[in-house]
Amino acid sequence: MWFEIEIMLRDRIVNWQELGIDNNYDYARRMVRLEDVYYLQELTSDVQALQFQDGTSVYIRGNYEELRDKLLHIERDADDLDL
């Protein structure tokens, strides 16, 4: 199963301050397969680390509890489909 995450970009593409917007990070939306996720780690209230099975990781936007619950819900749905 797939789910969407917002990945923190390493380099800034848009200078938000020039546009009058106070944004510390730039993000890009990406689709990820649930089976590729190894674990989710809480970092701050709105930024988490997502580790993949291949050893790579990304910082993602979102509340830890909401992301965890979303992953668990998707996983349960995937398990129900296998039955």
C-alpha atoms as a PDB file:
ATOM      1  CA  MET A   1       0.000   0.000   0.000  1.00  0.00           C
ATOM      2  CA  TRP A   2       1.079   3.557  -0.682  1.00  0.00           C
ATOM      3  CA  PHE A   3       0.770   6.715   1.402  1.00  0.00           C
ATOM      4  CA  GLU A   4       1.735  10.348   0.914  1.00  0.00           C
ATOM      5  CA  ILE A   5       4.330  12.207   2.981  1.00  0.00           C
ATOM      6  CA  GLU A   6       5.844  15.692   2.873  1.00  0.00           C
ATOM      7  CA  ILE A   7       9.636  15.416   2.699  1.00  0.00           C
ATOM      8  CA  MET A   8      11.827  18.272   3.929  1.00  0.00           C
ATOM      9  CA  LEU A   9      14.064  19.424   1.100  1.00  0.00           C
ATOM     10  CA  ARG A  10      17.731  19.866   1.761  1.00  0.00           C
ATOM     11  CA  ASP A  11      18.267  22.946  -0.414  1.00  0.00           C
ATOM     12  CA  ARG A  12      15.882  25.856  -0.558  1.00  0.00           C
ATOM     13  CA  ILE A  13      14.234  26.232  -3.944  1.00  0.00           C
ATOM     14  CA  VAL A  14      12.096  29.257  -3.155  1.00  0.00           C
ATOM     15  CA  ASN A  15      13.240  32.185  -1.036  1.00  0.00           C
ATOM     16  CA  TRP A  16      10.026  32.546   0.968  1.00  0.00           C
ATOM     17  CA  GLN A  17      11.298  35.579   2.870  1.00  0.00           C
ATOM     18  CA  GLU A  18      11.573  37.532  -0.395  1.00  0.00           C
ATOM     19  CA  LEU A  19       7.890  36.757  -0.900  1.00  0.00           C
ATOM     20  CA  GLY A  20       7.063  37.980   2.610  1.00  0.00           C
ATOM     21  CA  ILE A  21       6.336  34.517   3.991  1.00  0.00           C
ATOM     22  CA  ASP A  22       8.132  33.278   7.113  1.00  0.00           C
ATOM     23  CA  ASN A  23       8.775  29.615   6.254  1.00  0.00           C
ATOM     24  CA  ASN A  24      11.848  27.867   7.661  1.00  0.00           C
ATOM     25  CA  TYR A  25      11.629  24.734   5.501  1.00  0.00           C
ATOM     26  CA  ASP A  26      10.652  23.713   1.992  1.00  0.00           C
ATOM     27  CA  TYR A  27       8.782  20.449   1.470  1.00  0.00           C
ATOM     28  CA  ALA A  28       7.872  18.195  -1.441  1.00  0.00           C
ATOM     29  CA  ARG A  29       5.071  15.649  -1.462  1.00  0.00           C
ATOM     30  CA  ARG A  30       6.054  12.083  -2.252  1.00  0.00           C
ATOM     31  CA  MET A  31       4.355   8.707  -2.328  1.00  0.00           C
ATOM     32  CA  VAL A  32       5.967   5.913  -0.286  1.00  0.00           C
ATOM     33  CA  ARG A  33       5.198   2.211  -0.072  1.00  0.00           C
ATOM     34  CA  LEU A  34       4.354   1.056   3.438  1.00  0.00           C
ATOM     35  CA  GLU A  35       6.524  -2.048   3.120  1.00  0.00           C
ATOM     36  CA  ASP A  36       9.579   0.195   2.457  1.00  0.00           C
ATOM     37  CA  VAL A  37       9.259   1.892   5.877  1.00  0.00           C
ATOM     38  CA  TYR A  38      11.502   0.545   8.647  1.00  0.00           C
ATOM     39  CA  TYR A  39      10.544   2.960  11.447  1.00  0.00           C
ATOM     40  CA  LEU A  40       9.288   6.429  12.331  1.00  0.00           C
ATOM     41  CA  GLN A  41      11.196   8.491  14.893  1.00  0.00           C
ATOM     42  CA  GLU A  42       9.879  11.535  16.743  1.00  0.00           C
ATOM     43  CA  LEU A  43      12.162  14.582  16.474  1.00  0.00           C
ATOM     44  CA  THR A  44      10.150  17.747  17.122  1.00  0.00           C
ATOM     45  CA  SER A  45       6.453  18.566  17.330  1.00  0.00           C
ATOM     46  CA  ASP A  46       6.178  19.025  13.543  1.00  0.00           C
ATOM     47  CA  VAL A  47       9.226  17.240  12.035  1.00  0.00           C
ATOM     48  CA  GLN A  48       9.825  13.474  12.205  1.00  0.00           C
ATOM     49  CA  ALA A  49      12.448  11.105  10.777  1.00  0.00           C
ATOM     50  CA  LEU A  50      11.328   8.248   8.555  1.00  0.00           C
ATOM     51  CA  GLN A  51      13.830   5.386   8.112  1.00  0.00           C
ATOM     52  CA  PHE A  52      13.514   3.027   5.142  1.00  0.00           C
ATOM     53  CA  GLN A  53      14.406  -0.665   4.807  1.00  0.00           C
ATOM     54  CA  ASP A  54      17.384   0.199   2.555  1.00  0.00           C
ATOM     55  CA  GLY A  55      18.989   2.312   5.321  1.00  0.00           C
ATOM     56  CA  THR A  56      18.103   5.721   3.870  1.00  0.00           C
ATOM     57  CA  SER A  57      16.064   8.249   5.818  1.00  0.00           C
ATOM     58  CA  VAL A  58      14.226  11.537   5.337  1.00  0.00           C
ATOM     59  CA  TYR A  59      12.780  14.244   7.527  1.00  0.00           C
ATOM     60  CA  ILE A  60       9.039  14.599   7.086  1.00  0.00           C
ATOM     61  CA  ARG A  61       6.437  17.112   8.152  1.00  0.00           C
ATOM     62  CA  GLY A  62       3.741  16.072  10.561  1.00  0.00           C
ATOM     63  CA  ASN A  63       2.796  15.303  14.132  1.00  0.00           C
ATOM     64  CA  TYR A  64       4.299  12.014  15.351  1.00  0.00           C
ATOM     65  CA  GLU A  65       1.062  10.599  16.777  1.00  0.00           C
ATOM     66  CA  GLU A  66      -0.936  11.417  13.637  1.00  0.00           C
ATOM     67  CA  LEU A  67       1.702   9.905  11.334  1.00  0.00           C
ATOM     68  CA  ARG A  68       2.037   6.811  13.536  1.00  0.00           C
ATOM     69  CA  ASP A  69      -1.722   6.304  13.605  1.00  0.00           C
ATOM     70  CA  LYS A  70      -1.917   6.772   9.829  1.00  0.00           C
ATOM     71  CA  LEU A  71       0.795   4.143   9.255  1.00  0.00           C
ATOM     72  CA  LEU A  72      -0.830   1.701  11.657  1.00  0.00           C
ATOM     73  CA  HIS A  73      -4.246   2.230  10.036  1.00  0.00           C
ATOM     74  CA  ILE A  74      -2.826   1.620   6.551  1.00  0.00           C
ATOM     75  CA  GLU A  75      -0.994  -1.456   7.816  1.00  0.00           C
ATOM     76  CA  ARG A  76      -4.185  -2.880   9.364  1.00  0.00           C
ATOM     77  CA  ASP A  77      -6.078  -2.226   6.113  1.00  0.00           C
ATOM     78  CA  ALA A  78      -3.345  -4.005   4.144  1.00  0.00           C
ATOM     79  CA  ASP A  79      -3.498  -6.971   6.549  1.00  0.00           C
ATOM     80  CA  ASP A  80      -7.302  -7.132   6.160  1.00  0.00           C
ATOM     81  CA  LEU A  81      -6.950  -7.250   2.365  1.00  0.00           C
ATOM     82  CA  ASP A  82      -4.591 -10.230   2.611  1.00  0.00           C
ATOM     83  CA  LEU A  83      -7.217 -12.314   4.406  1.00  0.00           C
END
